[in-house]
Amino acid sequence: MRSRNSTGCESSDLSPRGISRTASRSPLPMARLDDAAIASALQGLPGWWREGDVLVRTYHRRDWADAVTFLDRIAPEADRRNHHPDVCITGYRNVTVRLTSHDERGITQRDVNLATWIEELAAAST
């Protein structure tokens, strides 16, 4: 099932290969965070917001090549963590990152940790 989110990117319950995201190899289970824990985490993640059960941030990069390079730097860390964000490049330089723990059907500490890492990457690459 596909739908459009507030950033104009499509989201889906299926991976690009049509495989259920929850059917792929997954990290150890992690408890969903409650509303207070999510609000607290967002205080330490400037520019991030909550959209239902997803943490969202749009980064405005210099140009298309910088947007693609930024995404290419996120990919290996997401692979290493086996926690892959939904991403979308729009307007030739805007990279939107959407984090949720599909297995837990919500936001977990795993999402907060990866968001924190992405923030550090963005700060170091501007």
Protein backbone atom coordinates (compact mmCIF):
# COMPACT_ATOMS: atom_id res chain seq x y z
CA MET A 1 0.00 0.00 0.00
CA ARG A 2 1.41 3.42 -0.97
CA SER A 3 0.56 6.82 0.41
CA ARG A 4 1.98 10.35 0.23
CA ASN A 5 3.27 11.96 3.38
CA SER A 6 3.62 15.65 4.25
CA THR A 7 6.97 15.92 2.46
CA GLY A 8 5.52 14.74 -0.85
CA CYS A 9 7.42 11.47 -0.75
CA GLU A 10 5.67 8.15 -1.17
CA SER A 11 5.77 5.67 1.67
CA SER A 12 5.02 2.00 1.49
CA ASP A 13 4.70 -1.07 3.66
CA LEU A 14 6.86 -2.87 1.11
CA SER A 15 10.54 -2.55 0.34
CA PRO A 16 11.57 -1.61 -3.22
CA ARG A 17 11.77 -5.33 -4.01
CA GLY A 18 8.19 -5.88 -2.87
CA ILE A 19 9.23 -7.75 0.26
CA SER A 20 7.46 -6.92 3.49
CA ARG A 21 9.78 -4.78 5.58
CA THR A 22 9.05 -6.93 8.60
CA ALA A 23 9.94 -10.11 6.71
CA SER A 24 13.56 -9.04 6.14
CA ARG A 25 16.35 -9.76 8.61
CA SER A 26 15.68 -7.57 11.59
CA PRO A 27 17.60 -6.44 14.66
CA LEU A 28 16.66 -7.60 18.11
CA PRO A 29 13.24 -6.37 19.25
CA MET A 30 13.18 -3.01 20.96
CA ALA A 31 10.27 -1.50 22.88
CA ARG A 32 8.30 1.37 21.37
CA LEU A 33 8.89 4.70 23.06
CA ASP A 34 5.98 6.40 24.77
CA ASP A 35 4.90 9.95 23.91
CA ALA A 36 6.94 11.53 26.72
CA ALA A 37 10.13 9.71 25.69
CA ILE A 38 9.64 10.73 22.05
CA ALA A 39 9.04 14.37 23.03
CA SER A 40 12.18 14.29 25.16
CA ALA A 41 14.24 12.77 22.35
CA LEU A 42 13.00 15.40 19.89
CA GLN A 43 14.29 18.15 22.18
CA GLY A 44 17.79 16.86 21.41
CA LEU A 45 17.13 16.54 17.68
CA PRO A 46 16.73 20.05 16.25
CA GLY A 47 14.80 20.14 13.00
CA TRP A 48 13.23 16.70 13.54
CA TRP A 49 9.52 16.30 14.09
CA ARG A 50 7.08 13.51 14.74
CA GLU A 51 4.59 12.49 12.10
CA GLY A 52 2.49 9.77 13.73
CA ASP A 53 4.81 6.84 14.38
CA VAL A 54 7.68 8.30 12.35
CA LEU A 55 10.54 10.69 13.08
CA VAL A 56 11.05 13.05 10.13
CA ARG A 57 13.70 15.58 9.10
CA THR A 58 14.36 17.37 5.82
CA TYR A 59 17.91 18.50 5.12
CA HIS A 60 18.52 21.26 2.59
CA ARG A 61 21.79 20.43 0.84
CA ARG A 62 23.86 22.65 -1.48
CA ASP A 63 22.79 20.94 -4.70
CA TRP A 64 21.79 17.60 -6.26
CA ALA A 65 25.28 16.07 -6.00
CA ASP A 66 25.56 17.04 -2.33
CA ALA A 67 22.12 15.56 -1.62
CA VAL A 68 23.12 12.27 -3.23
CA THR A 69 26.49 12.25 -1.44
CA PHE A 70 24.74 12.85 1.89
CA LEU A 71 22.42 9.92 1.24
CA ASP A 72 25.36 7.76 0.14
CA ARG A 73 27.04 8.47 3.49
CA ILE A 74 23.91 7.44 5.43
CA ALA A 75 23.49 4.13 3.58
CA PRO A 76 26.51 2.21 4.98
CA GLU A 77 25.66 3.16 8.56
CA ALA A 78 22.02 2.16 8.04
CA ASP A 79 23.25 -1.17 6.65
CA ARG A 80 25.64 -1.65 9.57
CA ARG A 81 22.77 -1.06 12.00
CA ASN A 82 20.32 -3.04 9.86
CA HIS A 83 17.95 -0.12 10.30
CA HIS A 84 17.04 1.57 7.04
CA PRO A 85 15.24 4.91 6.85
CA ASP A 86 12.80 5.83 4.14
CA VAL A 87 14.44 8.63 2.17
CA CYS A 88 13.36 10.97 -0.57
CA ILE A 89 15.17 13.66 -2.56
CA THR A 90 12.89 16.43 -3.83
CA GLY A 91 13.48 19.87 -5.29
CA TYR A 92 16.91 18.65 -6.47
CA ARG A 93 18.55 19.19 -3.06
CA ASN A 94 16.10 18.42 -0.22
CA VAL A 95 16.73 15.09 1.49
CA THR A 96 13.88 13.88 3.70
CA VAL A 97 14.68 11.11 6.16
CA ARG A 98 11.86 9.15 7.80
CA LEU A 99 12.66 6.78 10.66
CA THR A 100 10.39 4.21 12.23
CA SER A 101 10.86 0.70 13.55
CA HIS A 102 8.62 -1.30 11.25
CA ASP A 103 8.91 -4.44 13.37
CA GLU A 104 7.66 -2.56 16.43
CA ARG A 105 5.14 -0.49 14.45
CA GLY A 106 6.41 2.72 15.98
CA ILE A 107 9.32 4.79 17.19
CA THR A 108 12.02 3.07 19.25
CA GLN A 109 15.39 4.05 20.67
CA ARG A 110 16.87 2.58 17.48
CA ASP A 111 15.23 5.42 15.52
CA VAL A 112 16.47 8.06 17.95
CA ASN A 113 20.00 6.64 17.82
CA LEU A 114 20.12 6.69 14.02
CA ALA A 115 18.60 10.18 13.90
CA THR A 116 21.32 11.35 16.29
CA TRP A 117 24.00 9.80 14.08
CA ILE A 118 22.52 11.43 10.97
CA GLU A 119 22.49 14.80 12.76
CA GLU A 120 26.19 14.40 13.55
CA LEU A 121 26.88 13.51 9.92
CA ALA A 122 24.94 16.53 8.69
CA ALA A 123 26.80 18.86 11.07
CA ALA A 124 30.15 17.49 9.93
CA SER A 125 29.32 17.73 6.23
CA THR A 126 28.02 21.28 5.94
